[in-house]
Amino acid sequence: MTFSIVARSADGTCWGVAVASKFLAAGAVVPAARAGVGALASQSFLNLRYLPDGLALLAEGVGAQEVVDRLTGPDDLRDSRQLGVVDAAGGSASWTGAECIAWAGSAGGPDHTAQGNCLAGPEVVERMSQAFVASGDATPLARRLLAALAAGDDAGGDRRGRQSAGLLVVTEGGGYAGGNDVLVDLRSDDHPAPVGELARLLDLHDLYFGRPDPADLAPLDGPLAEEVDRLLRALGHDRDELPLDDRLFDWMGWENYEERHVPGSIDAVVLRELRAAATAAADEPLA
């Protein structure tokens, strides 16, 4: 009733899960991941104990296949379960019980495993695996997972229909302001096109919380500083007692772009959004 992909980034710094299903809020119950440890997806009459117990085994250094064996072995309902695991080293393994709703099975390779049940056919997980590999090692893991999920959806996905999707990616210090390891945690819990909605949310996540590429930073001086000053004043950020960089940071915080702030510079994404905001403000009719 669900299809998912569990994966590690090629550089071994990120782990994550993407899932879609004709099930309310599948992203709330299917995935689990821990930075430096690994990731799991439990589905098909899912056993929620697989998630914390599996992470605990992975944290002990147990490999993906042994984690699958040790979780499913003592489970009396294992024939109705499905499980995907990727360990710290990128080893992958999957379990599909004999009583899972057809079509049910998996496809995978180094750093990833895709699995699903009640699917349109084996092409769903096959195309997910192919899309993950084709996305390329240099692509951020969240984007690779989303590409795989979209490929499975396009191949027919859950044959009952669509309802929810979720995306979870972890990396050390990847959370807001480095406060935890959760780099991406997005869900489309009840939507007619959940995978497409998840893509929209990931675009917003990258806009608000993406870290600036050093190549896209420009010094806040000369003509650029004059332009930024003018744009900020047009948006009401005109406190002359504050340095330009402080006024820029105030505006960025107002718009939730503070994760993109680099003192003394401006990110190309922020500059684009600042110009757009000032243009929109200028076009607003007078009250």
Protein backbone atom coordinates (compact mmCIF):
# COMPACT_ATOMS: atom_id res chain seq x y z
CA MET A 1 0.00 0.00 0.00
CA THR A 2 3.10 2.14 0.04
CA PHE A 3 6.32 2.74 -1.87
CA SER A 4 9.50 4.16 -0.43
CA ILE A 5 13.21 4.60 -0.96
CA VAL A 6 15.84 4.53 1.78
CA ALA A 7 19.27 5.90 0.89
CA ARG A 8 22.65 7.31 1.84
CA SER A 9 24.48 10.07 -0.01
CA ALA A 10 27.51 8.95 -2.00
CA ASP A 11 29.85 10.92 0.26
CA GLY A 12 28.48 9.18 3.34
CA THR A 13 27.28 12.33 5.10
CA CYS A 14 23.50 12.11 4.68
CA TRP A 15 20.82 9.43 5.15
CA GLY A 16 17.16 9.68 4.27
CA VAL A 17 13.81 8.23 3.28
CA ALA A 18 11.14 9.28 0.79
CA VAL A 19 7.71 7.65 0.88
CA ALA A 20 4.31 7.92 -0.82
CA SER A 21 1.08 6.06 -0.18
CA LYS A 22 -2.71 5.95 -0.34
CA PHE A 23 -2.56 6.36 3.43
CA LEU A 24 -3.00 9.44 5.61
CA ALA A 25 0.32 11.01 6.68
CA ALA A 26 2.57 8.12 5.65
CA GLY A 27 5.56 10.37 6.28
CA ALA A 28 4.69 10.41 9.98
CA VAL A 29 5.00 6.65 10.48
CA VAL A 30 7.09 5.02 7.73
CA PRO A 31 10.57 6.66 7.91
CA ALA A 32 13.34 6.89 10.48
CA ALA A 33 16.92 8.09 10.13
CA ARG A 34 19.85 9.08 12.32
CA ALA A 35 22.95 10.93 11.18
CA GLY A 36 26.05 8.75 11.09
CA VAL A 37 23.95 5.65 11.72
CA GLY A 38 21.53 4.89 8.86
CA ALA A 39 17.88 4.94 7.83
CA LEU A 40 14.85 2.65 7.66
CA ALA A 41 11.35 2.46 6.19
CA SER A 42 8.73 0.22 7.81
CA GLN A 43 5.53 -0.35 5.81
CA SER A 44 2.77 -2.82 4.85
CA PHE A 45 0.97 -3.41 8.16
CA LEU A 46 3.98 -1.59 9.53
CA ASN A 47 5.59 -2.43 12.83
CA LEU A 48 6.48 0.87 14.50
CA ARG A 49 8.95 -0.91 16.79
CA TYR A 50 11.13 -1.61 13.75
CA LEU A 51 12.10 2.07 13.63
CA PRO A 52 13.65 2.70 17.08
CA ASP A 53 14.87 -0.88 17.38
CA GLY A 54 16.41 -0.74 13.92
CA LEU A 55 18.18 2.55 14.62
CA ALA A 56 19.52 1.11 17.86
CA LEU A 57 20.97 -1.87 16.00
CA LEU A 58 22.47 0.36 13.32
CA ALA A 59 24.03 2.53 16.03
CA GLU A 60 25.77 -0.60 17.34
CA GLY A 61 27.31 -1.12 13.91
CA VAL A 62 25.02 -3.94 12.81
CA GLY A 63 24.83 -4.11 9.00
CA ALA A 64 21.67 -3.60 6.96
CA GLN A 65 20.96 -7.27 6.18
CA GLU A 66 21.47 -8.38 9.76
CA VAL A 67 19.20 -5.55 10.95
CA VAL A 68 16.48 -6.84 8.63
CA ASP A 69 16.99 -10.41 9.87
CA ARG A 70 16.98 -9.47 13.54
CA LEU A 71 13.86 -7.30 13.25
CA THR A 72 11.76 -9.64 11.13
CA GLY A 73 12.95 -12.96 12.59
CA PRO A 74 11.03 -12.85 15.89
CA ASP A 75 8.01 -11.00 14.43
CA ASP A 76 4.99 -13.32 14.14
CA LEU A 77 3.49 -10.98 11.52
CA ARG A 78 6.66 -10.69 9.43
CA ASP A 79 4.94 -12.20 6.39
CA SER A 80 2.70 -9.12 6.26
CA ARG A 81 5.54 -6.62 6.76
CA GLN A 82 7.88 -4.76 4.48
CA LEU A 83 11.14 -3.14 5.53
CA GLY A 84 14.01 -1.27 3.88
CA VAL A 85 17.32 -0.47 5.58
CA VAL A 86 20.51 1.39 4.65
CA ASP A 87 23.39 1.32 7.11
CA ALA A 88 26.19 3.77 7.90
CA ALA A 89 28.46 2.30 5.22
CA GLY A 90 25.80 2.39 2.52
CA GLY A 91 24.91 -1.28 2.69
CA SER A 92 21.26 -1.89 1.81
CA ALA A 93 18.73 -4.63 2.45
CA SER A 94 14.99 -5.12 2.13
CA TRP A 95 12.33 -7.52 3.34
CA THR A 96 8.99 -8.26 1.69
CA GLY A 97 6.76 -10.73 3.49
CA ALA A 98 5.01 -13.43 1.46
CA GLU A 99 1.58 -12.09 2.44
CA CYS A 100 2.15 -8.47 1.37
CA ILE A 101 -0.46 -7.26 -1.12
CA ALA A 102 0.66 -7.82 -4.71
CA TRP A 103 2.55 -6.47 -6.46
CA ALA A 104 5.12 -6.32 -3.70
CA GLY A 105 8.90 -6.37 -3.81
CA SER A 106 12.06 -4.29 -3.95
CA ALA A 107 14.97 -3.08 -6.09
CA GLY A 108 18.20 -1.47 -5.02
CA GLY A 109 21.95 -1.38 -4.94
CA PRO A 110 24.78 0.43 -3.18
CA ASP A 111 23.52 3.26 -0.96
CA HIS A 112 19.81 2.64 -1.61
CA THR A 113 16.85 0.29 -1.56
CA ALA A 114 13.37 0.92 -2.98
CA GLN A 115 10.41 -1.19 -1.87
CA GLY A 116 6.66 -1.18 -2.22
CA ASN A 117 3.47 -3.17 -1.95
CA CYS A 118 0.05 -2.98 -3.60
CA LEU A 119 1.91 -1.45 -6.55
CA ALA A 120 1.06 -1.15 -10.23
CA GLY A 121 3.93 -3.57 -10.88
CA PRO A 122 7.65 -4.20 -10.46
CA GLU A 123 8.42 -1.26 -12.72
CA VAL A 124 7.58 1.08 -9.83
CA VAL A 125 10.56 0.11 -7.66
CA GLU A 126 12.77 -0.59 -10.68
CA ARG A 127 12.31 2.94 -11.99
CA MET A 128 12.82 4.37 -8.52
CA SER A 129 16.18 2.65 -8.27
CA GLN A 130 17.12 3.72 -11.79
CA ALA A 131 16.14 7.34 -11.10
CA PHE A 132 18.17 7.42 -7.90
CA VAL A 133 21.28 6.19 -9.70
CA ALA A 134 20.70 8.48 -12.70
CA SER A 135 20.34 11.56 -10.50
CA GLY A 136 24.09 11.49 -9.88
CA ASP A 137 26.25 11.37 -6.79
CA ALA A 138 26.75 15.16 -6.69
CA THR A 139 23.02 15.90 -6.42
CA PRO A 140 21.79 16.62 -2.87
CA LEU A 141 20.27 13.53 -1.30
CA ALA A 142 16.85 15.16 -0.83
CA ARG A 143 16.69 15.83 -4.57
CA ARG A 144 17.79 12.28 -5.40
CA LEU A 145 15.12 10.82 -3.12
CA LEU A 146 12.46 13.07 -4.59
CA ALA A 147 13.49 12.12 -8.15
CA ALA A 148 13.16 8.46 -7.23
CA LEU A 149 9.77 8.98 -5.60
CA ALA A 150 8.49 10.90 -8.64
CA ALA A 151 9.69 8.11 -10.93
CA GLY A 152 7.77 5.56 -8.88
CA ASP A 153 4.69 7.74 -8.90
CA ASP A 154 4.92 8.19 -12.67
CA ALA A 155 5.22 4.40 -13.06
CA GLY A 156 1.86 3.89 -11.33
CA GLY A 157 2.83 3.89 -7.66
CA ASP A 158 0.24 2.62 -5.19
CA ARG A 159 -2.50 1.12 -7.36
CA ARG A 160 -5.19 2.29 -4.91
CA GLY A 161 -4.35 5.92 -5.65
CA ARG A 162 -2.55 8.85 -4.05
CA GLN A 163 -2.90 10.55 -0.67
CA SER A 164 0.35 11.39 1.12
CA ALA A 165 4.10 11.69 0.74
CA GLY A 166 7.03 12.44 3.03
CA LEU A 167 10.73 13.24 2.86
CA LEU A 168 13.25 12.92 5.71
CA VAL A 169 16.99 13.62 5.40
CA VAL A 170 19.52 13.83 8.23
CA THR A 171 23.13 14.97 8.41
CA GLU A 172 25.30 16.11 11.30
CA GLY A 173 24.39 19.69 12.25
CA GLY A 174 22.02 19.98 9.31
CA GLY A 175 19.04 21.40 11.21
CA TYR A 176 17.98 25.02 11.61
CA ALA A 177 20.97 27.03 12.88
CA GLY A 178 22.80 23.72 13.32
CA GLY A 179 20.59 22.91 16.30
CA ASN A 180 20.00 19.27 15.36
CA ASP A 181 20.71 16.82 12.55
CA VAL A 182 17.40 17.04 10.67
CA LEU A 183 18.24 18.63 7.34
CA VAL A 184 14.85 18.08 5.67
CA ASP A 185 11.58 16.90 7.22
CA LEU A 186 8.65 17.61 4.90
CA ARG A 187 5.25 15.98 4.53
CA SER A 188 2.23 16.26 2.30
CA ASP A 189 -0.24 14.45 4.53
CA ASP A 190 -3.49 14.55 2.51
CA HIS A 191 -3.28 15.86 -1.05
CA PRO A 192 -4.54 14.78 -4.48
CA ALA A 193 -1.00 15.02 -5.89
CA PRO A 194 1.22 14.49 -2.83
CA VAL A 195 4.52 13.90 -4.64
CA GLY A 196 4.13 17.10 -6.64
CA GLU A 197 3.22 18.96 -3.48
CA LEU A 198 6.30 17.54 -1.77
CA ALA A 199 8.40 18.92 -4.63
CA ARG A 200 6.86 22.35 -4.11
CA LEU A 201 7.63 22.20 -0.40
CA LEU A 202 11.23 21.15 -1.04
CA ASP A 203 11.68 24.17 -3.33
CA LEU A 204 10.46 26.39 -0.50
CA HIS A 205 12.70 24.61 1.98
CA ASP A 206 15.73 25.24 -0.22
CA LEU A 207 14.74 28.90 -0.59
CA TYR A 208 14.34 29.55 3.12
CA PHE A 209 16.86 27.19 4.67
CA GLY A 210 19.42 26.53 1.95
CA ARG A 211 22.97 27.50 2.85
CA PRO A 212 24.57 29.99 0.44
CA ASP A 213 27.06 28.72 -2.09
CA PRO A 214 30.26 30.76 -1.59
CA ALA A 215 30.37 31.21 -5.38
CA ASP A 216 27.00 33.01 -5.18
CA LEU A 217 28.06 35.57 -2.56
CA ALA A 218 28.82 39.17 -3.52
CA PRO A 219 30.52 41.77 -1.26
CA LEU A 220 28.08 44.29 0.14
CA ASP A 221 29.93 47.37 -1.11
CA GLY A 222 30.14 49.80 -4.04
CA PRO A 223 27.18 50.03 -6.47
CA LEU A 224 25.69 46.81 -5.09
CA ALA A 225 25.56 48.26 -1.58
CA GLU A 226 23.88 51.38 -2.99
CA GLU A 227 21.28 49.23 -4.73
CA VAL A 228 20.61 47.14 -1.62
CA ASP A 229 20.25 50.32 0.45
CA ARG A 230 17.74 51.71 -2.03
CA LEU A 231 15.73 48.49 -2.11
CA LEU A 232 15.63 48.21 1.66
CA ARG A 233 14.45 51.79 2.00
CA ALA A 234 11.68 51.08 -0.49
CA LEU A 235 10.58 48.24 1.80
CA GLY A 236 10.63 50.40 4.93
CA HIS A 237 13.96 49.18 6.33
CA ASP A 238 15.41 52.68 6.49
CA ARG A 239 16.83 53.10 10.00
CA ASP A 240 19.89 55.26 9.32
CA GLU A 241 21.40 54.47 12.72
CA LEU A 242 21.90 50.85 11.63
CA PRO A 243 24.65 49.65 9.30
CA LEU A 244 23.48 48.37 5.94
CA ASP A 245 24.28 44.76 6.82
CA ASP A 246 22.11 44.98 9.95
CA ARG A 247 19.21 46.40 7.98
CA LEU A 248 19.60 43.65 5.42
CA PHE A 249 19.60 41.02 8.17
CA ASP A 250 16.44 42.57 9.65
CA TRP A 251 14.67 42.23 6.31
CA MET A 252 15.97 38.70 5.82
CA GLY A 253 14.68 37.70 9.24
CA TRP A 254 11.29 39.24 8.45
CA GLU A 255 11.12 37.11 5.30
CA ASN A 256 12.63 33.96 6.94
CA TYR A 257 15.85 34.03 4.91
CA GLU A 258 18.14 34.39 7.96
CA GLU A 259 19.86 31.06 7.30
CA ARG A 260 21.24 32.63 4.12
CA HIS A 261 22.88 35.57 5.92
CA VAL A 262 26.65 35.97 5.58
CA PRO A 263 27.98 39.18 7.23
CA GLY A 264 29.35 41.67 4.73
CA SER A 265 27.92 39.82 1.72
CA ILE A 266 24.63 39.09 0.01
CA ASP A 267 23.57 35.75 -1.44
CA ALA A 268 22.39 35.75 -5.07
CA VAL A 269 19.09 34.13 -3.99
CA VAL A 270 18.51 36.83 -1.36
CA LEU A 271 19.33 39.59 -3.85
CA ARG A 272 16.84 38.14 -6.31
CA GLU A 273 14.11 37.98 -3.66
CA LEU A 274 14.93 41.48 -2.39
CA ARG A 275 14.61 42.93 -5.90
CA ALA A 276 11.34 41.07 -6.43
CA ALA A 277 9.91 42.29 -3.11
CA ALA A 278 10.81 45.90 -3.85
CA THR A 279 9.28 45.66 -7.34
CA ALA A 280 6.09 44.15 -5.93
CA ALA A 281 5.89 46.89 -3.30
CA ALA A 282 6.29 49.58 -5.95
CA ASP A 283 3.47 48.05 -7.98
CA GLU A 284 1.01 47.96 -5.06
CA PRO A 285 -1.87 50.43 -5.52
CA LEU A 286 -2.10 53.28 -3.02
CA ALA A 287 -4.74 52.76 -0.31
